[in-house]
Amino acid sequence: MTDDGDLGRSGAGRRGGGRPARGSAGLPAIAGTAEDRMAELESRLSRLERAPGLRDRGRTMVDRVMPPEAGQHFRNAGREHLLGVRSIVDHWIRRIDAADSRAGGAGSSSPDRESIEIE
């Protein structure tokens, strides 16, 4: 059994068809001892952790295009959207409670039921 076969993935680190072996994400495969491979992987990980993430790059792009006041408006709009959804849910909860009380309190006297006030 070769050292490359111990990776647990078929074809990982092997050469075939005259092409150089490829590692993950199209990077060249790491050759050498296990210590060399571990050092190279740690180096790759370090570079990835230092690179700005997708969220950071997106935030930078948005900051260049959109003024801060617009961002505040969009955050407020998102909050209003959630408050609208809350009012719909509250409406239907009240309707279900009213239907339960009209039906003779089928669910209103249940010991498992708790009333939670939402401000």
Protein backbone atom coordinates (compact mmCIF):
# COMPACT_ATOMS: atom_id res chain seq x y z
CA MET A 1 0.00 0.00 0.00
CA THR A 2 1.40 3.40 -0.94
CA ASP A 3 1.43 6.44 1.28
CA ASP A 4 -0.97 8.21 -1.13
CA GLY A 5 -3.50 5.39 -0.83
CA ASP A 6 -3.80 6.09 2.90
CA LEU A 7 -5.60 9.38 2.20
CA GLY A 8 -8.95 7.63 2.05
CA ARG A 9 -9.98 9.08 -1.32
CA SER A 10 -9.65 7.25 -4.58
CA GLY A 11 -7.25 8.93 -6.93
CA ALA A 12 -6.02 11.46 -4.39
CA GLY A 13 -2.36 12.18 -4.97
CA ARG A 14 -2.02 9.71 -7.87
CA ARG A 15 -0.71 10.48 -11.32
CA GLY A 16 -2.58 9.26 -14.34
CA GLY A 17 -2.67 9.94 -18.06
CA GLY A 18 0.60 11.87 -18.06
CA ARG A 19 -0.92 14.76 -16.12
CA PRO A 20 0.55 16.03 -12.86
CA ALA A 21 -1.44 15.04 -9.81
CA ARG A 22 -3.80 17.69 -8.48
CA GLY A 23 -4.57 18.34 -4.85
CA SER A 24 -7.71 19.88 -3.45
CA ALA A 25 -9.16 22.95 -5.17
CA GLY A 26 -6.93 22.41 -8.20
CA LEU A 27 -3.74 23.04 -6.25
CA PRO A 28 -0.72 20.87 -7.01
CA ALA A 29 -0.52 17.71 -4.96
CA ILE A 30 1.88 17.83 -2.05
CA ALA A 31 4.81 15.45 -2.41
CA GLY A 32 7.28 14.39 0.25
CA THR A 33 7.09 13.09 3.75
CA ALA A 34 4.08 13.38 5.99
CA GLU A 35 5.80 16.21 7.87
CA ASP A 36 6.38 18.12 4.58
CA ARG A 37 2.76 17.65 3.58
CA MET A 38 1.52 18.75 7.00
CA ALA A 39 3.70 21.89 6.88
CA GLU A 40 2.42 22.73 3.38
CA LEU A 41 -1.21 22.20 4.45
CA GLU A 42 -0.71 24.41 7.49
CA SER A 43 0.82 27.06 5.26
CA ARG A 44 -2.19 26.90 2.90
CA LEU A 45 -4.57 27.14 5.85
CA SER A 46 -2.72 30.16 7.21
CA ARG A 47 -2.97 31.91 3.82
CA LEU A 48 -6.70 31.14 3.63
CA GLU A 49 -7.34 32.46 7.13
CA ARG A 50 -5.52 35.73 6.38
CA ALA A 51 -7.37 36.29 3.09
CA PRO A 52 -10.52 38.40 3.35
CA GLY A 53 -13.67 36.28 3.37
CA LEU A 54 -16.55 36.53 0.96
CA ARG A 55 -18.57 38.57 3.45
CA ASP A 56 -15.72 41.09 3.90
CA ARG A 57 -15.21 41.44 0.16
CA GLY A 58 -18.95 41.88 -0.38
CA ARG A 59 -19.18 44.46 2.40
CA THR A 60 -16.32 46.44 0.82
CA MET A 61 -18.07 46.38 -2.55
CA VAL A 62 -21.37 47.53 -1.05
CA ASP A 63 -19.63 50.31 0.87
CA ARG A 64 -18.17 51.63 -2.38
CA VAL A 65 -21.55 51.65 -4.12
CA MET A 66 -24.05 52.50 -1.40
CA PRO A 67 -23.96 55.44 1.03
CA PRO A 68 -24.28 54.65 4.76
CA GLU A 69 -27.71 56.31 4.92
CA ALA A 70 -29.08 53.78 2.43
CA GLY A 71 -27.75 50.93 4.56
CA GLN A 72 -29.58 52.35 7.57
CA HIS A 73 -32.82 52.55 5.55
CA PHE A 74 -32.45 48.93 4.44
CA ARG A 75 -31.84 47.77 8.03
CA ASN A 76 -34.94 49.68 9.14
CA ALA A 77 -36.94 48.15 6.29
CA GLY A 78 -35.81 44.68 7.35
CA ARG A 79 -36.94 45.38 10.90
CA GLU A 80 -40.32 46.63 9.65
CA HIS A 81 -40.67 43.50 7.53
CA LEU A 82 -40.14 41.30 10.59
CA LEU A 83 -42.59 43.38 12.62
CA GLY A 84 -45.15 42.88 9.85
CA VAL A 85 -44.66 39.11 9.96
CA ARG A 86 -45.00 39.24 13.76
CA SER A 87 -48.33 41.07 13.47
CA ILE A 88 -49.65 38.42 11.05
CA VAL A 89 -48.60 35.62 13.44
CA ASP A 90 -50.15 37.47 16.40
CA HIS A 91 -53.40 37.94 14.44
CA TRP A 92 -53.69 34.23 13.72
CA ILE A 93 -52.81 33.29 17.29
CA ARG A 94 -55.63 35.55 18.51
CA ARG A 95 -58.05 33.93 16.02
CA ILE A 96 -57.08 30.44 17.17
CA ASP A 97 -57.47 31.48 20.82
CA ALA A 98 -60.89 32.99 20.07
CA ALA A 99 -61.99 29.84 18.25
CA ASP A 100 -60.83 27.73 21.20
CA SER A 101 -62.76 29.83 23.69
CA ARG A 102 -65.92 29.72 21.51
CA ALA A 103 -65.60 25.93 21.29
CA GLY A 104 -65.97 25.66 25.05
CA GLY A 105 -62.42 26.27 26.09
CA ALA A 106 -61.08 23.04 24.62
CA GLY A 107 -57.51 24.23 24.79
CA SER A 108 -57.74 27.10 27.26
CA SER A 109 -57.77 24.98 30.43
CA SER A 110 -54.87 22.76 29.44
CA PRO A 111 -52.13 22.70 32.11
CA ASP A 112 -49.48 22.49 29.34
CA ARG A 113 -50.49 25.83 27.88
CA GLU A 114 -48.68 28.99 28.90
CA SER A 115 -49.44 32.56 27.89
CA ILE A 116 -46.40 34.62 26.85
CA GLU A 117 -46.67 38.39 26.57
CA ILE A 118 -44.83 39.98 23.60
CA GLU A 119 -44.04 43.66 23.79
